[in-house]
Amino acid sequence: MTIGSEQVKKQFEEAPYPEVPFDKSLCQDLNDLYRWSLITPFYRKYQRLINPAGMTVLDVGCGSGVVAHRIVEANPGITLTGIDLSPKSVEVAQSRFAHHGLEGHKFIVLSAEELPELNQTFDYINCHETLYLLPDPLAGLRAMKAVLNPGGIIRANLHSFYQRQSYFRIQTFFQYLGVMEDCSLQTSIDLVKSFVNCLQDYTALKSTWNSSNKTDEYITANMILQGDKGFTIPQMFQLLELAELDYVSMVNWQFWELPKLFIDPKNIPEEFALIFEAASEDQLLYMYELLHPANRLIDFWCGHPDTPNQYLPTALQSLTDWHQRTIYVHPILQDLRFAPKVDFKESLLQALKTNTPLPLNKVFSATSPGEITIPIDYCLCLYHLWSSHLTFTELVEMWAKLKPLDPLTLAPRNLEQVAQELIPILSFLEDRSLILVV
């Protein structure tokens, strides 16, 4: 059953999403600042460090303004425009920004397909939890492309067909029964609760219900979400191709790395290893999705095809490439708004003083699937980069003074040996967005 924009609008008119009190809509920690910062997407496309101040940002499907608020907080100095097809949602977003005294930003009642009517272009477009609700996601992407500045970036996401299977099945069931057609949202929610309570515990629907929270917002956003659709990785790449947009990166690429699914990536059957080695990035992502559909969102960055990606993965950089780079600590990690509760540098210092690896998840978990610790030498390298960025050459020279001898032979090490030791350390730190290699 195809759900039109009017049905989606009706749902969000009754319940602007997300339902977060005005005084709790701020970024809560470094993870939130990182997730909504513009620094990482522009680094992943252009391999440079940008200052977001002065950029124009469009939030498509702004809802109640929670995400828009976090984007503004994570990127001081930007100017944000939010659009939503629900007048009630726009009203709530405007009130939220007024409550916090945020001026210079605007919210407009407008559908994604009508974006060209703004007669304005943007440096960055955020389309979070919205694209999969559009009657025609391709039309939505094309409209966003039309208002994207040259060199700009779009962040959008789709619901995973595989990860959301149980919810799609439940939504289809309630659509089949006609729930939501001729009654209020609250009545629909109450009907769902009453119905589920009648089911045997062993039914799949009841099992899904019992493993989750049961708030009204949860029911609305999952069991009776109007317009919800699932996509696969190949379908996502097909949408980008049809919209004539270039893929940049997954937003949470650390959670899509196929080798991490194996106990020992070096010890898988040769036939499979050869296939993985020859696979393109979209093929690797699809294989990950088939093996481990743990990501609810297929969350990606894309941009104009006439501004090609300039990012070079550390694994592909030669020693000559490295000597042309400058190493920066990711600026978000140096933000002290959450100190002393969260002070990354202080955590590094304590790890070094106690000679104990630092559990990364305790201070910054946004880029860390599973429990990851930072070894002592890696902490030491990051700590010495904290006060000032260094060229790779300068870092090699400093590291040679810190560790002049080979730990096994005690023989003096030359600068090339030191450089080869530093590369895997920096690659580890860069993969988790702790540093930027520019």
Protein backbone atom coordinates (compact mmCIF):
# COMPACT_ATOMS: atom_id res chain seq x y z
CA MET A 1 0.00 0.00 0.00
CA THR A 2 1.38 3.40 -0.99
CA ILE A 3 1.03 6.09 1.65
CA GLY A 4 0.66 9.65 0.33
CA SER A 5 2.10 12.86 1.74
CA GLU A 6 -1.29 13.91 3.14
CA GLN A 7 -1.42 10.86 5.42
CA VAL A 8 2.15 11.51 6.57
CA LYS A 9 1.31 15.17 7.16
CA LYS A 10 -1.79 14.21 9.19
CA GLN A 11 0.27 12.00 11.50
CA PHE A 12 2.88 14.66 12.21
CA GLU A 13 0.27 17.37 12.59
CA GLU A 14 -1.12 15.38 15.51
CA ALA A 15 2.29 14.43 16.92
CA PRO A 16 5.27 16.62 15.90
CA TYR A 17 8.39 14.45 16.09
CA PRO A 18 10.49 13.99 18.09
CA GLU A 19 8.61 14.82 21.27
CA VAL A 20 11.43 16.39 23.28
CA PRO A 21 10.86 19.17 25.85
CA PHE A 22 12.42 22.49 24.89
CA ASP A 23 14.84 22.45 27.81
CA LYS A 24 16.20 18.99 26.82
CA SER A 25 16.84 19.48 23.13
CA LEU A 26 20.49 20.51 23.41
CA CYS A 27 23.45 18.31 22.50
CA GLN A 28 24.07 16.16 25.54
CA ASP A 29 27.74 15.20 25.07
CA LEU A 30 30.66 15.01 22.63
CA ASN A 31 28.88 12.26 20.71
CA ASP A 32 25.99 14.60 19.86
CA LEU A 33 28.36 17.40 18.85
CA TYR A 34 30.24 14.98 16.58
CA ARG A 35 27.09 13.51 15.00
CA TRP A 36 25.79 16.92 13.93
CA SER A 37 29.08 18.67 13.14
CA LEU A 38 29.74 19.64 9.51
CA ILE A 39 33.49 19.13 9.95
CA THR A 40 33.49 15.37 9.33
CA PRO A 41 31.43 15.24 6.10
CA PHE A 42 33.55 17.92 4.44
CA TYR A 43 36.69 16.12 5.60
CA ARG A 44 35.41 12.83 4.16
CA LYS A 45 34.81 14.51 0.79
CA TYR A 46 37.66 17.00 0.49
CA GLN A 47 40.22 15.84 3.11
CA ARG A 48 40.45 19.31 4.55
CA LEU A 49 39.53 20.96 7.84
CA ILE A 50 36.69 23.47 7.46
CA ASN A 51 35.20 26.08 9.77
CA PRO A 52 31.38 25.83 9.48
CA ALA A 53 30.83 29.46 10.54
CA GLY A 54 29.07 31.36 7.77
CA MET A 55 27.68 28.27 6.06
CA THR A 56 24.03 28.02 5.03
CA VAL A 57 22.28 24.82 6.16
CA LEU A 58 18.91 23.39 5.13
CA ASP A 59 17.09 20.92 7.39
CA VAL A 60 14.57 18.98 5.28
CA GLY A 61 11.77 17.49 7.38
CA CYS A 62 12.76 19.52 10.43
CA GLY A 63 9.86 18.20 12.53
CA SER A 64 9.83 19.67 16.02
CA GLY A 65 13.24 21.32 15.51
CA VAL A 66 15.28 19.06 17.80
CA VAL A 67 17.83 18.08 15.17
CA ALA A 68 17.95 21.63 13.79
CA HIS A 69 18.76 22.88 17.29
CA ARG A 70 21.58 20.34 17.66
CA ILE A 71 23.01 21.24 14.24
CA VAL A 72 23.09 24.92 15.21
CA GLU A 73 24.71 24.11 18.55
CA ALA A 74 27.34 21.85 16.98
CA ASN A 75 28.20 24.41 14.28
CA PRO A 76 28.38 27.94 15.74
CA GLY A 77 27.93 30.68 13.18
CA ILE A 78 25.81 28.81 10.62
CA THR A 79 22.47 30.05 9.29
CA LEU A 80 19.79 27.36 9.23
CA THR A 81 16.53 27.06 7.31
CA GLY A 82 14.13 24.30 8.30
CA ILE A 83 11.25 23.05 6.18
CA ASP A 84 8.45 20.62 6.95
CA LEU A 85 5.10 19.82 5.33
CA SER A 86 3.41 19.94 8.77
CA PRO A 87 2.43 23.48 9.93
CA LYS A 88 2.19 22.25 13.52
CA SER A 89 5.74 20.87 13.40
CA VAL A 90 7.04 24.16 11.99
CA GLU A 91 5.25 26.03 14.76
CA VAL A 92 6.87 23.84 17.42
CA ALA A 93 10.33 24.26 15.82
CA GLN A 94 9.92 28.05 15.76
CA SER A 95 8.86 28.05 19.41
CA ARG A 96 11.83 25.87 20.35
CA PHE A 97 14.31 28.27 18.77
CA ALA A 98 12.56 31.27 20.33
CA HIS A 99 12.72 29.57 23.73
CA HIS A 100 16.50 29.32 23.40
CA GLY A 101 16.94 32.80 21.95
CA LEU A 102 18.31 31.49 18.65
CA GLU A 103 17.93 34.23 16.05
CA GLY A 104 18.70 34.47 12.34
CA HIS A 105 17.21 31.07 11.51
CA LYS A 106 13.85 30.38 9.87
CA PHE A 107 11.30 27.60 9.49
CA ILE A 108 8.92 27.29 6.55
CA VAL A 109 5.94 25.07 5.75
CA LEU A 110 7.08 23.38 2.56
CA SER A 111 7.39 19.88 1.14
CA ALA A 112 10.75 18.50 0.05
CA GLU A 113 9.60 18.39 -3.57
CA GLU A 114 8.91 22.14 -3.48
CA LEU A 115 12.43 23.14 -2.41
CA PRO A 116 13.28 25.03 -5.63
CA GLU A 117 10.52 27.50 -4.67
CA LEU A 118 12.84 28.81 -1.92
CA ASN A 119 15.01 30.48 -4.58
CA GLN A 120 18.00 29.87 -2.33
CA THR A 121 20.93 27.45 -2.31
CA PHE A 122 22.72 25.84 0.62
CA ASP A 123 26.17 24.60 1.57
CA TYR A 124 24.84 21.62 3.52
CA ILE A 125 21.49 19.84 3.45
CA ASN A 126 20.37 17.60 6.30
CA CYS A 127 17.51 15.19 5.56
CA HIS A 128 17.31 13.03 8.65
CA GLU A 129 14.56 10.41 9.13
CA THR A 130 12.60 11.91 6.23
CA LEU A 131 13.67 10.58 2.81
CA TYR A 132 12.11 7.16 3.34
CA LEU A 133 8.76 8.80 4.20
CA LEU A 134 8.48 10.71 0.92
CA PRO A 135 6.05 9.28 -1.65
CA ASP A 136 8.89 9.59 -4.20
CA PRO A 137 12.36 9.63 -2.58
CA LEU A 138 14.01 10.15 -5.97
CA ALA A 139 12.03 13.36 -6.51
CA GLY A 140 13.10 14.46 -3.03
CA LEU A 141 16.79 13.87 -3.77
CA ARG A 142 16.53 15.71 -7.08
CA ALA A 143 14.89 18.68 -5.37
CA MET A 144 17.68 18.78 -2.77
CA LYS A 145 20.32 18.60 -5.49
CA ALA A 146 18.65 21.59 -7.19
CA VAL A 147 19.24 23.79 -4.12
CA LEU A 148 22.71 22.46 -3.21
CA ASN A 149 25.63 24.81 -3.76
CA PRO A 150 28.56 23.60 -5.89
CA GLY A 151 30.82 21.73 -3.50
CA GLY A 152 27.98 21.27 -1.01
CA ILE A 153 27.03 18.04 0.74
CA ILE A 154 23.70 16.32 1.39
CA ARG A 155 23.20 14.03 4.36
CA ALA A 156 20.19 11.72 4.00
CA ASN A 157 19.14 8.32 5.25
CA LEU A 158 16.82 5.46 4.42
CA HIS A 159 15.29 2.78 6.59
CA SER A 160 17.02 -0.57 6.11
CA PHE A 161 14.72 -3.13 4.49
CA TYR A 162 16.45 -5.99 6.29
CA GLN A 163 16.84 -4.46 9.74
CA ARG A 164 13.24 -3.15 9.88
CA GLN A 165 11.52 -6.30 8.61
CA SER A 166 9.50 -6.94 11.75
CA TYR A 167 8.16 -3.37 11.82
CA PHE A 168 7.27 -3.32 8.12
CA ARG A 169 5.29 -6.50 8.64
CA ILE A 170 3.48 -4.99 11.64
CA GLN A 171 2.75 -1.75 9.74
CA THR A 172 1.31 -3.74 6.83
CA PHE A 173 -0.93 -5.65 9.24
CA PHE A 174 -2.37 -2.52 10.83
CA GLN A 175 -2.78 -0.88 7.41
CA TYR A 176 -4.63 -4.01 6.28
CA LEU A 177 -7.00 -3.59 9.23
CA GLY A 178 -7.51 0.08 8.38
CA VAL A 179 -6.03 1.45 11.61
CA MET A 180 -5.33 5.21 11.22
CA GLU A 181 -7.73 5.68 8.28
CA ASP A 182 -10.72 7.32 9.95
CA CYS A 183 -9.68 8.02 13.52
CA SER A 184 -7.32 10.22 15.50
CA LEU A 185 -3.73 9.26 16.14
CA GLN A 186 -4.38 8.73 19.85
CA THR A 187 -7.31 6.42 19.06
CA SER A 188 -5.05 4.43 16.72
CA ILE A 189 -2.39 4.14 19.42
CA ASP A 190 -4.96 2.92 21.95
CA LEU A 191 -6.29 0.38 19.44
CA VAL A 192 -2.78 -0.98 18.86
CA LYS A 193 -2.16 -1.34 22.59
CA SER A 194 -5.47 -3.15 23.12
CA PHE A 195 -4.87 -5.46 20.18
CA VAL A 196 -1.32 -6.44 21.14
CA ASN A 197 -2.42 -7.24 24.68
CA CYS A 198 -4.81 -9.85 23.22
CA LEU A 199 -2.00 -11.78 21.51
CA GLN A 200 -0.23 -14.88 22.77
CA ASP A 201 3.30 -14.14 24.01
CA TYR A 202 4.82 -16.48 21.42
CA THR A 203 3.57 -14.47 18.42
CA ALA A 204 6.25 -12.56 16.55
CA LEU A 205 4.40 -9.25 16.93
CA LYS A 206 4.09 -9.68 20.69
CA SER A 207 7.76 -10.64 20.89
CA THR A 208 8.75 -7.42 19.12
CA TRP A 209 6.49 -5.50 21.48
CA ASN A 210 7.89 -7.13 24.61
CA SER A 211 11.48 -6.41 23.60
CA SER A 212 10.84 -2.68 23.19
CA ASN A 213 9.49 0.25 25.12
CA LYS A 214 5.80 0.95 24.72
CA THR A 215 5.49 4.74 24.72
CA ASP A 216 2.99 6.40 22.41
CA GLU A 217 5.85 7.91 20.43
CA TYR A 218 7.43 4.46 19.98
CA ILE A 219 4.16 3.07 18.61
CA THR A 220 3.74 6.03 16.25
CA ALA A 221 7.33 5.89 14.99
CA ASN A 222 7.40 2.14 14.46
CA MET A 223 4.14 0.22 14.44
CA ILE A 224 1.89 2.69 12.64
CA LEU A 225 4.41 5.04 11.01
CA GLN A 226 2.75 6.45 7.90
CA GLY A 227 4.80 6.31 4.70
CA ASP A 228 7.57 4.12 6.13
CA LYS A 229 9.55 2.20 3.49
CA GLY A 230 12.61 -0.03 3.51
CA PHE A 231 15.59 0.06 1.16
CA THR A 232 18.69 -2.01 0.50
CA ILE A 233 22.22 -0.79 -0.21
CA PRO A 234 21.85 -1.46 -3.98
CA GLN A 235 18.61 0.55 -3.99
CA MET A 236 20.34 3.42 -2.21
CA PHE A 237 23.10 3.52 -4.82
CA GLN A 238 20.50 3.28 -7.59
CA LEU A 239 18.66 6.32 -6.16
CA LEU A 240 21.91 8.31 -6.13
CA GLU A 241 22.68 7.30 -9.71
CA LEU A 242 19.21 8.31 -10.93
CA ALA A 243 19.42 11.61 -9.03
CA GLU A 244 22.89 12.19 -10.54
CA LEU A 245 24.49 12.52 -7.13
CA ASP A 246 27.88 11.11 -6.11
CA TYR A 247 28.20 8.96 -3.02
CA VAL A 248 30.69 10.36 -0.49
CA SER A 249 30.63 8.04 2.52
CA MET A 250 28.41 6.33 5.02
CA VAL A 251 27.89 8.70 7.95
CA ASN A 252 28.78 5.95 10.45
CA TRP A 253 31.25 4.12 8.21
CA GLN A 254 32.92 2.49 11.23
CA PHE A 255 29.72 0.44 11.68
CA TRP A 256 29.82 -0.89 8.10
CA GLU A 257 33.28 -2.46 7.93
CA LEU A 258 33.02 -6.03 6.64
CA PRO A 259 36.39 -7.31 8.04
CA LYS A 260 35.22 -6.52 11.58
CA LEU A 261 32.52 -9.21 11.28
CA PHE A 262 35.18 -11.95 11.23
CA ILE A 263 37.06 -13.39 14.19
CA ASP A 264 40.25 -13.18 12.12
CA PRO A 265 39.90 -11.47 8.72
CA LYS A 266 43.18 -13.06 7.63
CA ASN A 267 41.86 -16.56 8.23
CA ILE A 268 38.76 -16.77 6.03
CA PRO A 269 38.59 -19.18 3.03
CA GLU A 270 40.72 -17.95 0.15
CA GLU A 271 37.78 -18.09 -2.28
CA PHE A 272 35.88 -15.55 -0.18
CA ALA A 273 38.97 -13.44 0.53
CA LEU A 274 39.55 -13.02 -3.22
CA ILE A 275 35.93 -11.93 -3.72
CA PHE A 276 36.17 -9.37 -0.90
CA GLU A 277 39.46 -8.05 -2.25
CA ALA A 278 37.99 -7.43 -5.70
CA ALA A 279 34.69 -5.97 -4.45
CA SER A 280 33.74 -2.31 -4.86
CA GLU A 281 32.65 -0.24 -1.87
CA ASP A 282 28.95 -0.62 -2.63
CA GLN A 283 29.39 -4.40 -2.91
CA LEU A 284 31.20 -4.56 0.43
CA LEU A 285 28.44 -2.52 2.07
CA TYR A 286 25.79 -4.83 0.60
CA MET A 287 27.59 -7.94 1.85
CA TYR A 288 27.80 -6.39 5.30
CA GLU A 289 24.08 -5.63 5.19
CA LEU A 290 23.25 -9.22 4.22
CA LEU A 291 25.48 -10.73 6.90
CA HIS A 292 24.69 -8.33 9.72
CA PRO A 293 21.68 -6.01 9.22
CA ALA A 294 22.24 -4.21 12.51
CA ASN A 295 22.01 -0.63 11.22
CA ARG A 296 18.46 0.71 11.25
CA LEU A 297 19.45 3.58 8.98
CA ILE A 298 21.34 3.50 5.70
CA ASP A 299 22.86 6.88 6.53
CA PHE A 300 24.98 8.52 3.82
CA TRP A 301 26.58 11.71 2.51
CA CYS A 302 26.46 12.63 -1.17
CA GLY A 303 27.15 15.61 -3.41
CA HIS A 304 27.37 16.98 -6.93
CA PRO A 305 29.24 14.72 -9.40
CA ASP A 306 31.21 17.68 -10.80
CA THR A 307 33.01 18.09 -7.46
CA PRO A 308 34.80 14.73 -7.16
CA ASN A 309 35.80 13.23 -3.84
CA GLN A 310 39.35 14.11 -2.82
CA TYR A 311 39.54 12.00 0.34
CA LEU A 312 42.24 9.32 0.21
CA PRO A 313 41.90 6.50 2.78
CA THR A 314 44.97 6.12 4.95
CA ALA A 315 45.45 2.54 3.71
CA LEU A 316 46.03 3.89 0.19
CA GLN A 317 48.45 6.64 1.14
CA SER A 318 52.12 6.14 0.32
CA LEU A 319 54.90 7.35 2.58
CA THR A 320 55.29 10.30 0.20
CA ASP A 321 51.58 11.09 0.65
CA TRP A 322 51.96 11.01 4.41
CA HIS A 323 54.85 13.46 4.36
CA GLN A 324 52.54 15.94 2.60
CA ARG A 325 49.93 15.74 5.37
CA THR A 326 49.25 17.72 8.51
CA ILE A 327 47.67 16.00 11.51
CA TYR A 328 44.92 17.69 13.56
CA VAL A 329 42.96 16.48 16.56
CA HIS A 330 39.28 16.54 15.58
CA PRO A 331 38.09 19.96 16.87
CA ILE A 332 34.91 18.49 18.37
CA LEU A 333 36.97 16.44 20.83
CA GLN A 334 38.60 19.64 22.09
CA ASP A 335 35.25 21.24 22.86
CA LEU A 336 35.08 21.84 26.62
CA ARG A 337 31.33 22.51 26.91
CA PHE A 338 30.88 19.24 28.77
CA ALA A 339 33.95 19.51 31.02
CA PRO A 340 34.75 18.47 33.66
CA LYS A 341 32.27 15.60 33.21
CA VAL A 342 33.81 14.83 29.82
CA ASP A 343 37.33 16.15 29.16
CA PHE A 344 39.02 14.01 26.52
CA LYS A 345 42.49 15.46 27.11
CA GLU A 346 42.22 14.85 30.85
CA SER A 347 41.18 11.25 30.16
CA LEU A 348 44.27 10.81 27.95
CA LEU A 349 46.48 12.28 30.67
CA GLN A 350 45.10 9.92 33.32
CA ALA A 351 45.63 6.93 31.01
CA LEU A 352 49.25 7.96 30.46
CA LYS A 353 49.88 8.58 34.17
CA THR A 354 48.53 5.15 35.11
CA ASN A 355 49.96 3.41 32.02
CA THR A 356 46.48 2.05 31.29
CA PRO A 357 44.84 1.85 27.84
CA LEU A 358 41.91 4.26 27.52
CA PRO A 359 38.43 2.73 27.00
CA LEU A 360 37.29 4.94 24.12
CA ASN A 361 33.59 4.23 24.65
CA LYS A 362 33.67 5.87 28.08
CA VAL A 363 34.52 9.28 26.66
CA PHE A 364 33.49 9.07 22.99
CA SER A 365 31.39 6.24 21.58
CA ALA A 366 29.99 7.70 18.35
CA THR A 367 32.66 6.05 16.18
CA SER A 368 33.26 2.87 18.18
CA PRO A 369 31.28 -0.29 17.45
CA GLY A 370 31.81 -2.51 20.48
CA GLU A 371 34.33 -2.03 23.26
CA ILE A 372 37.47 -0.34 21.91
CA THR A 373 40.50 0.74 23.89
CA ILE A 374 43.24 3.16 22.83
CA PRO A 375 46.68 1.61 23.50
CA ILE A 376 49.15 3.66 25.52
CA ASP A 377 51.36 4.62 22.58
CA TYR A 378 48.27 5.77 20.67
CA CYS A 379 47.21 7.86 23.68
CA LEU A 380 50.69 9.37 23.80
CA CYS A 381 50.58 10.31 20.12
CA LEU A 382 47.12 11.88 20.46
CA TYR A 383 48.14 13.77 23.59
CA HIS A 384 51.13 15.39 21.88
CA LEU A 385 48.91 16.49 18.98
CA TRP A 386 46.39 18.10 21.32
CA SER A 387 48.04 21.47 21.84
CA SER A 388 49.08 22.04 18.24
CA HIS A 389 48.71 20.36 14.88
CA LEU A 390 51.88 18.90 13.40
CA THR A 391 52.95 17.93 9.92
CA PHE A 392 53.62 14.23 9.56
CA THR A 393 57.31 15.01 9.17
CA GLU A 394 57.32 17.01 12.43
CA LEU A 395 55.46 14.21 14.20
CA VAL A 396 57.99 11.63 12.98
CA GLU A 397 60.85 13.77 14.30
CA MET A 398 59.13 14.20 17.66
CA TRP A 399 58.34 10.47 17.90
CA ALA A 400 61.97 9.64 17.14
CA LYS A 401 62.97 11.67 20.21
CA LEU A 402 60.34 9.95 22.36
CA LYS A 403 61.24 6.44 21.15
CA PRO A 404 64.77 6.53 19.70
CA LEU A 405 65.54 2.81 20.15
CA ASP A 406 64.15 -0.39 18.69
CA PRO A 407 62.44 -2.07 21.70
CA LEU A 408 63.75 -5.53 20.71
CA THR A 409 67.34 -4.83 19.60
CA LEU A 410 67.88 -1.50 21.40
CA ALA A 411 69.50 -0.27 18.20
CA PRO A 412 68.88 3.36 17.17
CA ARG A 413 66.00 3.74 14.70
CA ASN A 414 66.10 5.82 11.55
CA LEU A 415 63.30 8.22 10.63
CA GLU A 416 61.77 5.88 8.04
CA GLN A 417 61.41 3.14 10.68
CA VAL A 418 59.75 5.63 13.00
CA ALA A 419 57.41 6.75 10.22
CA GLN A 420 56.36 3.17 9.50
CA GLU A 421 55.53 2.73 13.19
CA LEU A 422 53.45 5.90 13.27
CA ILE A 423 51.30 5.15 10.20
CA PRO A 424 49.18 2.36 11.78
CA ILE A 425 48.79 4.48 14.94
CA LEU A 426 47.54 7.45 12.94
CA SER A 427 45.34 5.21 10.77
CA PHE A 428 43.66 3.81 13.88
CA LEU A 429 43.07 7.29 15.29
CA GLU A 430 41.81 8.64 11.95
CA ASP A 431 39.39 5.76 11.39
CA ARG A 432 37.70 6.65 14.68
CA SER A 433 37.64 10.37 13.80
CA LEU A 434 39.97 11.27 16.67
CA ILE A 435 42.32 12.97 14.20
CA LEU A 436 42.03 14.47 10.73
CA VAL A 437 44.88 13.83 8.25
CA VAL A 438 44.76 16.88 6.00
